[in-house]
Amino acid sequence: MTHYIEISTVRYEWAHRRKPRGYRLWYFRMPDGSTFCHAGTYAEARQAATALAQRRYQNTGAPIQLCA
């Protein structure tokens, strides 16, 4: 069963004036307030954050926020 997971990039785009892309250390704020970080491309980091959210928040939708 797939649950709805949304990654918001609004704050990142406002601060950096561009969409997230490229290789760097990416930080995501999870629904419970914890921070998840991943070094790699944005696509890889987004995939890792989504996989973590699916494991951690199995029965609910999980809004995730990109921090940096």
PDB file of N, CA and C in Angstrom:
ATOM      1  N   MET A   1       0.834  -1.176   0.000  1.00  0.00           N
ATOM      2  CA  MET A   1       0.000   0.000   0.000  1.00  0.00           C
ATOM      3  C   MET A   1       0.885   1.249   0.000  1.00  0.00           C
ATOM      4  N   THR A   2       0.637   2.157  -0.907  1.00  0.00           N
ATOM      5  CA  THR A   2       1.412   3.381  -1.015  1.00  0.00           C
ATOM      6  C   THR A   2       0.706   4.507  -0.278  1.00  0.00           C
ATOM      7  N   HIS A   3       1.458   5.254   0.490  1.00  0.00           N
ATOM      8  CA  HIS A   3       0.916   6.387   1.222  1.00  0.00           C
ATOM      9  C   HIS A   3       1.395   7.671   0.563  1.00  0.00           C
ATOM     10  N   TYR A   4       0.634   8.712   0.767  1.00  0.00           N
ATOM     11  CA  TYR A   4       0.940   9.996   0.160  1.00  0.00           C
ATOM     12  C   TYR A   4       2.108  10.650   0.888  1.00  0.00           C
ATOM     13  N   ILE A   5       3.182  10.913   0.186  1.00  0.00           N
ATOM     14  CA  ILE A   5       4.343  11.588   0.752  1.00  0.00           C
ATOM     15  C   ILE A   5       4.633  12.800  -0.119  1.00  0.00           C
ATOM     16  N   GLU A   6       4.664  13.963   0.508  1.00  0.00           N
ATOM     17  CA  GLU A   6       4.901  15.212  -0.217  1.00  0.00           C
ATOM     18  C   GLU A   6       6.191  15.840   0.296  1.00  0.00           C
ATOM     19  N   ILE A   7       7.055  16.249  -0.627  1.00  0.00           N
ATOM     20  CA  ILE A   7       8.268  16.966  -0.257  1.00  0.00           C
ATOM     21  C   ILE A   7       8.101  18.404  -0.720  1.00  0.00           C
ATOM     22  N   SER A   8       8.077  19.318   0.240  1.00  0.00           N
ATOM     23  CA  SER A   8       7.909  20.734  -0.059  1.00  0.00           C
ATOM     24  C   SER A   8       9.278  21.383  -0.264  1.00  0.00           C
ATOM     25  N   THR A   9       9.434  22.101  -1.373  1.00  0.00           N
ATOM     26  CA  THR A   9      10.689  22.798  -1.660  1.00  0.00           C
ATOM     27  C   THR A   9      10.516  24.313  -1.606  1.00  0.00           C
ATOM     28  N   VAL A  10       9.382  24.786  -1.111  1.00  0.00           N
ATOM     29  CA  VAL A  10       9.062  26.219  -1.123  1.00  0.00           C
ATOM     30  C   VAL A  10      10.110  27.040  -0.383  1.00  0.00           C
ATOM     31  N   ARG A  11      10.464  26.637   0.836  1.00  0.00           N
ATOM     32  CA  ARG A  11      11.450  27.412   1.607  1.00  0.00           C
ATOM     33  C   ARG A  11      12.817  27.403   0.924  1.00  0.00           C
ATOM     34  N   TYR A  12      13.211  26.259   0.380  1.00  0.00           N
ATOM     35  CA  TYR A  12      14.492  26.177  -0.320  1.00  0.00           C
ATOM     36  C   TYR A  12      14.502  27.118  -1.517  1.00  0.00           C
ATOM     37  N   GLU A  13      13.445  27.081  -2.315  1.00  0.00           N
ATOM     38  CA  GLU A  13      13.376  27.929  -3.505  1.00  0.00           C
ATOM     39  C   GLU A  13      13.344  29.405  -3.137  1.00  0.00           C
ATOM     40  N   TRP A  14      12.692  29.749  -2.038  1.00  0.00           N
ATOM     41  CA  TRP A  14      12.646  31.141  -1.609  1.00  0.00           C
ATOM     42  C   TRP A  14      14.039  31.610  -1.185  1.00  0.00           C
ATOM     43  N   ALA A  15      14.775  30.785  -0.446  1.00  0.00           N
ATOM     44  CA  ALA A  15      16.092  31.152   0.065  1.00  0.00           C
ATOM     45  C   ALA A  15      17.169  31.161  -1.017  1.00  0.00           C
ATOM     46  N   HIS A  16      17.094  30.219  -1.962  1.00  0.00           N
ATOM     47  CA  HIS A  16      18.160  30.060  -2.957  1.00  0.00           C
ATOM     48  C   HIS A  16      17.793  30.590  -4.338  1.00  0.00           C
ATOM     49  N   ARG A  17      16.534  30.977  -4.515  1.00  0.00           N
ATOM     50  CA  ARG A  17      16.045  31.542  -5.778  1.00  0.00           C
ATOM     51  C   ARG A  17      16.163  30.583  -6.962  1.00  0.00           C
ATOM     52  N   ARG A  18      16.118  29.283  -6.673  1.00  0.00           N
ATOM     53  CA  ARG A  18      16.129  28.275  -7.739  1.00  0.00           C
ATOM     54  C   ARG A  18      15.605  26.961  -7.186  1.00  0.00           C
ATOM     55  N   LYS A  19      15.248  26.076  -8.073  1.00  0.00           N
ATOM     56  CA  LYS A  19      14.777  24.754  -7.669  1.00  0.00           C
ATOM     57  C   LYS A  19      15.969  23.917  -7.201  1.00  0.00           C
ATOM     58  N   PRO A  20      15.735  22.965  -6.308  1.00  0.00           N
ATOM     59  CA  PRO A  20      16.837  22.124  -5.841  1.00  0.00           C
ATOM     60  C   PRO A  20      17.379  21.249  -6.966  1.00  0.00           C
ATOM     61  N   ARG A  21      18.692  21.172  -7.042  1.00  0.00           N
ATOM     62  CA  ARG A  21      19.331  20.340  -8.064  1.00  0.00           C
ATOM     63  C   ARG A  21      20.791  20.148  -7.686  1.00  0.00           C
ATOM     64  N   GLY A  22      21.405  19.177  -8.317  1.00  0.00           N
ATOM     65  CA  GLY A  22      22.831  18.972  -8.163  1.00  0.00           C
ATOM     66  C   GLY A  22      23.240  18.135  -6.964  1.00  0.00           C
ATOM     67  N   TYR A  23      24.550  18.093  -6.758  1.00  0.00           N
ATOM     68  CA  TYR A  23      25.162  17.285  -5.706  1.00  0.00           C
ATOM     69  C   TYR A  23      25.505  18.177  -4.522  1.00  0.00           C
ATOM     70  N   ARG A  24      25.093  17.781  -3.338  1.00  0.00           N
ATOM     71  CA  ARG A  24      25.419  18.494  -2.105  1.00  0.00           C
ATOM     72  C   ARG A  24      24.919  17.688  -0.917  1.00  0.00           C
ATOM     73  N   LEU A  25      24.999  18.260   0.258  1.00  0.00           N
ATOM     74  CA  LEU A  25      24.427  17.647   1.452  1.00  0.00           C
ATOM     75  C   LEU A  25      23.032  18.225   1.627  1.00  0.00           C
ATOM     76  N   TRP A  26      22.024  17.376   1.507  1.00  0.00           N
ATOM     77  CA  TRP A  26      20.626  17.800   1.562  1.00  0.00           C
ATOM     78  C   TRP A  26      20.041  17.478   2.927  1.00  0.00           C
ATOM     79  N   TYR A  27      19.258  18.408   3.472  1.00  0.00           N
ATOM     80  CA  TYR A  27      18.596  18.227   4.763  1.00  0.00           C
ATOM     81  C   TYR A  27      17.090  18.276   4.571  1.00  0.00           C
ATOM     82  N   PHE A  28      16.404  17.337   5.194  1.00  0.00           N
ATOM     83  CA  PHE A  28      14.946  17.268   5.125  1.00  0.00           C
ATOM     84  C   PHE A  28      14.379  17.267   6.539  1.00  0.00           C
ATOM     85  N   ARG A  29      13.345  18.050   6.782  1.00  0.00           N
ATOM     86  CA  ARG A  29      12.634  18.037   8.062  1.00  0.00           C
ATOM     87  C   ARG A  29      11.488  17.057   7.937  1.00  0.00           C
ATOM     88  N   MET A  30      11.503  16.041   8.786  1.00  0.00           N
ATOM     89  CA  MET A  30      10.486  14.997   8.758  1.00  0.00           C
ATOM     90  C   MET A  30       9.261  15.446   9.564  1.00  0.00           C
ATOM     91  N   PRO A  31       8.124  14.766   9.411  1.00  0.00           N
ATOM     92  CA  PRO A  31       6.887  15.174  10.095  1.00  0.00           C
ATOM     93  C   PRO A  31       6.992  15.224  11.622  1.00  0.00           C
ATOM     94  N   ASP A  32       7.855  14.411  12.212  1.00  0.00           N
ATOM     95  CA  ASP A  32       7.982  14.413  13.673  1.00  0.00           C
ATOM     96  C   ASP A  32       8.981  15.453  14.175  1.00  0.00           C
ATOM     97  N   GLY A  33       9.547  16.266  13.263  1.00  0.00           N
ATOM     98  CA  GLY A  33      10.486  17.312  13.652  1.00  0.00           C
ATOM     99  C   GLY A  33      11.945  16.906  13.558  1.00  0.00           C
ATOM    100  N   SER A  34      12.218  15.636  13.331  1.00  0.00           N
ATOM    101  CA  SER A  34      13.602  15.190  13.194  1.00  0.00           C
ATOM    102  C   SER A  34      14.150  15.622  11.835  1.00  0.00           C
ATOM    103  N   THR A  35      15.471  15.646  11.729  1.00  0.00           N
ATOM    104  CA  THR A  35      16.131  16.048  10.491  1.00  0.00           C
ATOM    105  C   THR A  35      16.823  14.843   9.878  1.00  0.00           C
ATOM    106  N   PHE A  36      16.657  14.683   8.586  1.00  0.00           N
ATOM    107  CA  PHE A  36      17.306  13.612   7.828  1.00  0.00           C
ATOM    108  C   PHE A  36      18.251  14.276   6.842  1.00  0.00           C
ATOM    109  N   CYS A  37      19.502  13.815   6.775  1.00  0.00           N
ATOM    110  CA  CYS A  37      20.437  14.386   5.803  1.00  0.00           C
ATOM    111  C   CYS A  37      20.975  13.277   4.903  1.00  0.00           C
ATOM    112  N   HIS A  38      21.312  13.686   3.682  1.00  0.00           N
ATOM    113  CA  HIS A  38      21.816  12.735   2.692  1.00  0.00           C
ATOM    114  C   HIS A  38      22.766  13.477   1.758  1.00  0.00           C
ATOM    115  N   ALA A  39      23.963  12.937   1.563  1.00  0.00           N
ATOM    116  CA  ALA A  39      24.922  13.508   0.623  1.00  0.00           C
ATOM    117  C   ALA A  39      24.738  12.822  -0.723  1.00  0.00           C
ATOM    118  N   GLY A  40      24.563  13.613  -1.760  1.00  0.00           N
ATOM    119  CA  GLY A  40      24.370  13.078  -3.099  1.00  0.00           C
ATOM    120  C   GLY A  40      23.572  14.044  -3.936  1.00  0.00           C
ATOM    121  N   THR A  41      23.073  13.576  -5.045  1.00  0.00           N
ATOM    122  CA  THR A  41      22.248  14.436  -5.889  1.00  0.00           C
ATOM    123  C   THR A  41      20.888  14.622  -5.225  1.00  0.00           C
ATOM    124  N   TYR A  42      20.167  15.656  -5.655  1.00  0.00           N
ATOM    125  CA  TYR A  42      18.845  15.903  -5.082  1.00  0.00           C
ATOM    126  C   TYR A  42      17.916  14.719  -5.340  1.00  0.00           C
ATOM    127  N   ALA A  43      18.001  14.142  -6.526  1.00  0.00           N
ATOM    128  CA  ALA A  43      17.138  12.999  -6.856  1.00  0.00           C
ATOM    129  C   ALA A  43      17.407  11.825  -5.916  1.00  0.00           C
ATOM    130  N   GLU A  44      18.677  11.542  -5.633  1.00  0.00           N
ATOM    131  CA  GLU A  44      19.024  10.455  -4.711  1.00  0.00           C
ATOM    132  C   GLU A  44      18.552  10.769  -3.294  1.00  0.00           C
ATOM    133  N   ALA A  45      18.752  12.003  -2.864  1.00  0.00           N
ATOM    134  CA  ALA A  45      18.356  12.409  -1.513  1.00  0.00           C
ATOM    135  C   ALA A  45      16.840  12.359  -1.350  1.00  0.00           C
ATOM    136  N   ARG A  46      16.125  12.819  -2.362  1.00  0.00           N
ATOM    137  CA  ARG A  46      14.656  12.785  -2.330  1.00  0.00           C
ATOM    138  C   ARG A  46      14.167  11.341  -2.229  1.00  0.00           C
ATOM    139  N   GLN A  47      14.792  10.449  -2.986  1.00  0.00           N
ATOM    140  CA  GLN A  47      14.414   9.037  -2.957  1.00  0.00           C
ATOM    141  C   GLN A  47      14.701   8.422  -1.584  1.00  0.00           C
ATOM    142  N   ALA A  48      15.841   8.762  -0.985  1.00  0.00           N
ATOM    143  CA  ALA A  48      16.185   8.233   0.336  1.00  0.00           C
ATOM    144  C   ALA A  48      15.235   8.767   1.408  1.00  0.00           C
ATOM    145  N   ALA A  49      14.884  10.049   1.337  1.00  0.00           N
ATOM    146  CA  ALA A  49      13.954  10.636   2.309  1.00  0.00           C
ATOM    147  C   ALA A  49      12.568  10.021   2.173  1.00  0.00           C
ATOM    148  N   THR A  50      12.149   9.782   0.954  1.00  0.00           N
ATOM    149  CA  THR A  50      10.846   9.158   0.713  1.00  0.00           C
ATOM    150  C   THR A  50      10.822   7.730   1.254  1.00  0.00           C
ATOM    151  N   ALA A  51      11.893   6.981   1.030  1.00  0.00           N
ATOM    152  CA  ALA A  51      11.969   5.602   1.534  1.00  0.00           C
ATOM    153  C   ALA A  51      11.935   5.578   3.062  1.00  0.00           C
ATOM    154  N   LEU A  52      12.656   6.510   3.694  1.00  0.00           N
ATOM    155  CA  LEU A  52      12.643   6.587   5.153  1.00  0.00           C
ATOM    156  C   LEU A  52      11.244   6.925   5.663  1.00  0.00           C
ATOM    157  N   ALA A  53      10.591   7.870   5.027  1.00  0.00           N
ATOM    158  CA  ALA A  53       9.238   8.262   5.444  1.00  0.00           C
ATOM    159  C   ALA A  53       8.259   7.100   5.285  1.00  0.00           C
ATOM    160  N   GLN A  54       8.401   6.325   4.227  1.00  0.00           N
ATOM    161  CA  GLN A  54       7.510   5.178   4.032  1.00  0.00           C
ATOM    162  C   GLN A  54       7.701   4.140   5.134  1.00  0.00           C
ATOM    163  N   ARG A  55       8.939   3.943   5.575  1.00  0.00           N
ATOM    164  CA  ARG A  55       9.198   2.989   6.658  1.00  0.00           C
ATOM    165  C   ARG A  55       8.726   3.538   8.005  1.00  0.00           C
ATOM    166  N   ARG A  56       9.007   4.804   8.267  1.00  0.00           N
ATOM    167  CA  ARG A  56       8.732   5.399   9.573  1.00  0.00           C
ATOM    168  C   ARG A  56       7.266   5.743   9.804  1.00  0.00           C
ATOM    169  N   TYR A  57       6.612   6.238   8.784  1.00  0.00           N
ATOM    170  CA  TYR A  57       5.240   6.741   8.917  1.00  0.00           C
ATOM    171  C   TYR A  57       4.313   5.911   8.038  1.00  0.00           C
ATOM    172  N   GLN A  58       4.186   4.636   8.349  1.00  0.00           N
ATOM    173  CA  GLN A  58       3.483   3.689   7.491  1.00  0.00           C
ATOM    174  C   GLN A  58       1.997   3.964   7.345  1.00  0.00           C
ATOM    175  N   ASN A  59       1.340   4.450   8.366  1.00  0.00           N
ATOM    176  CA  ASN A  59      -0.112   4.568   8.328  1.00  0.00           C
ATOM    177  C   ASN A  59      -0.620   5.981   8.083  1.00  0.00           C
ATOM    178  N   THR A  60       0.265   6.918   7.813  1.00  0.00           N
ATOM    179  CA  THR A  60      -0.176   8.301   7.621  1.00  0.00           C
ATOM    180  C   THR A  60       0.513   8.917   6.417  1.00  0.00           C
ATOM    181  N   GLY A  61      -0.026  10.009   5.946  1.00  0.00           N
ATOM    182  CA  GLY A  61       0.664  10.802   4.936  1.00  0.00           C
ATOM    183  C   GLY A  61       1.831  11.495   5.620  1.00  0.00           C
ATOM    184  N   ALA A  62       2.874  11.760   4.902  1.00  0.00           N
ATOM    185  CA  ALA A  62       4.066  12.325   5.517  1.00  0.00           C
ATOM    186  C   ALA A  62       4.534  13.564   4.758  1.00  0.00           C
ATOM    187  N   PRO A  63       4.184  14.763   5.237  1.00  0.00           N
ATOM    188  CA  PRO A  63       4.715  15.963   4.592  1.00  0.00           C
ATOM    189  C   PRO A  63       6.165  16.184   5.028  1.00  0.00           C
ATOM    190  N   ILE A  64       7.068  16.272   4.076  1.00  0.00           N
ATOM    191  CA  ILE A  64       8.491  16.459   4.348  1.00  0.00           C
ATOM    192  C   ILE A  64       8.894  17.812   3.781  1.00  0.00           C
ATOM    193  N   GLN A  65       9.770  18.522   4.504  1.00  0.00           N
ATOM    194  CA  GLN A  65      10.191  19.839   4.048  1.00  0.00           C
ATOM    195  C   GLN A  65      11.687  19.822   3.760  1.00  0.00           C
ATOM    196  N   LEU A  66      12.079  20.293   2.584  1.00  0.00           N
ATOM    197  CA  LEU A  66      13.490  20.419   2.234  1.00  0.00           C
ATOM    198  C   LEU A  66      14.036  21.649   2.930  1.00  0.00           C
ATOM    199  N   CYS A  67      15.105  21.485   3.714  1.00  0.00           N
ATOM    200  CA  CYS A  67      15.660  22.608   4.482  1.00  0.00           C
ATOM    201  C   CYS A  67      16.845  23.255   3.790  1.00  0.00           C
ATOM    202  N   ALA A  68      17.789  22.473   3.306  1.00  0.00           N
ATOM    203  CA  ALA A  68      18.978  23.070   2.689  1.00  0.00           C
ATOM    204  C   ALA A  68      19.524  22.152   1.627  1.00  0.00           C
TER     205      ALA A  68
END
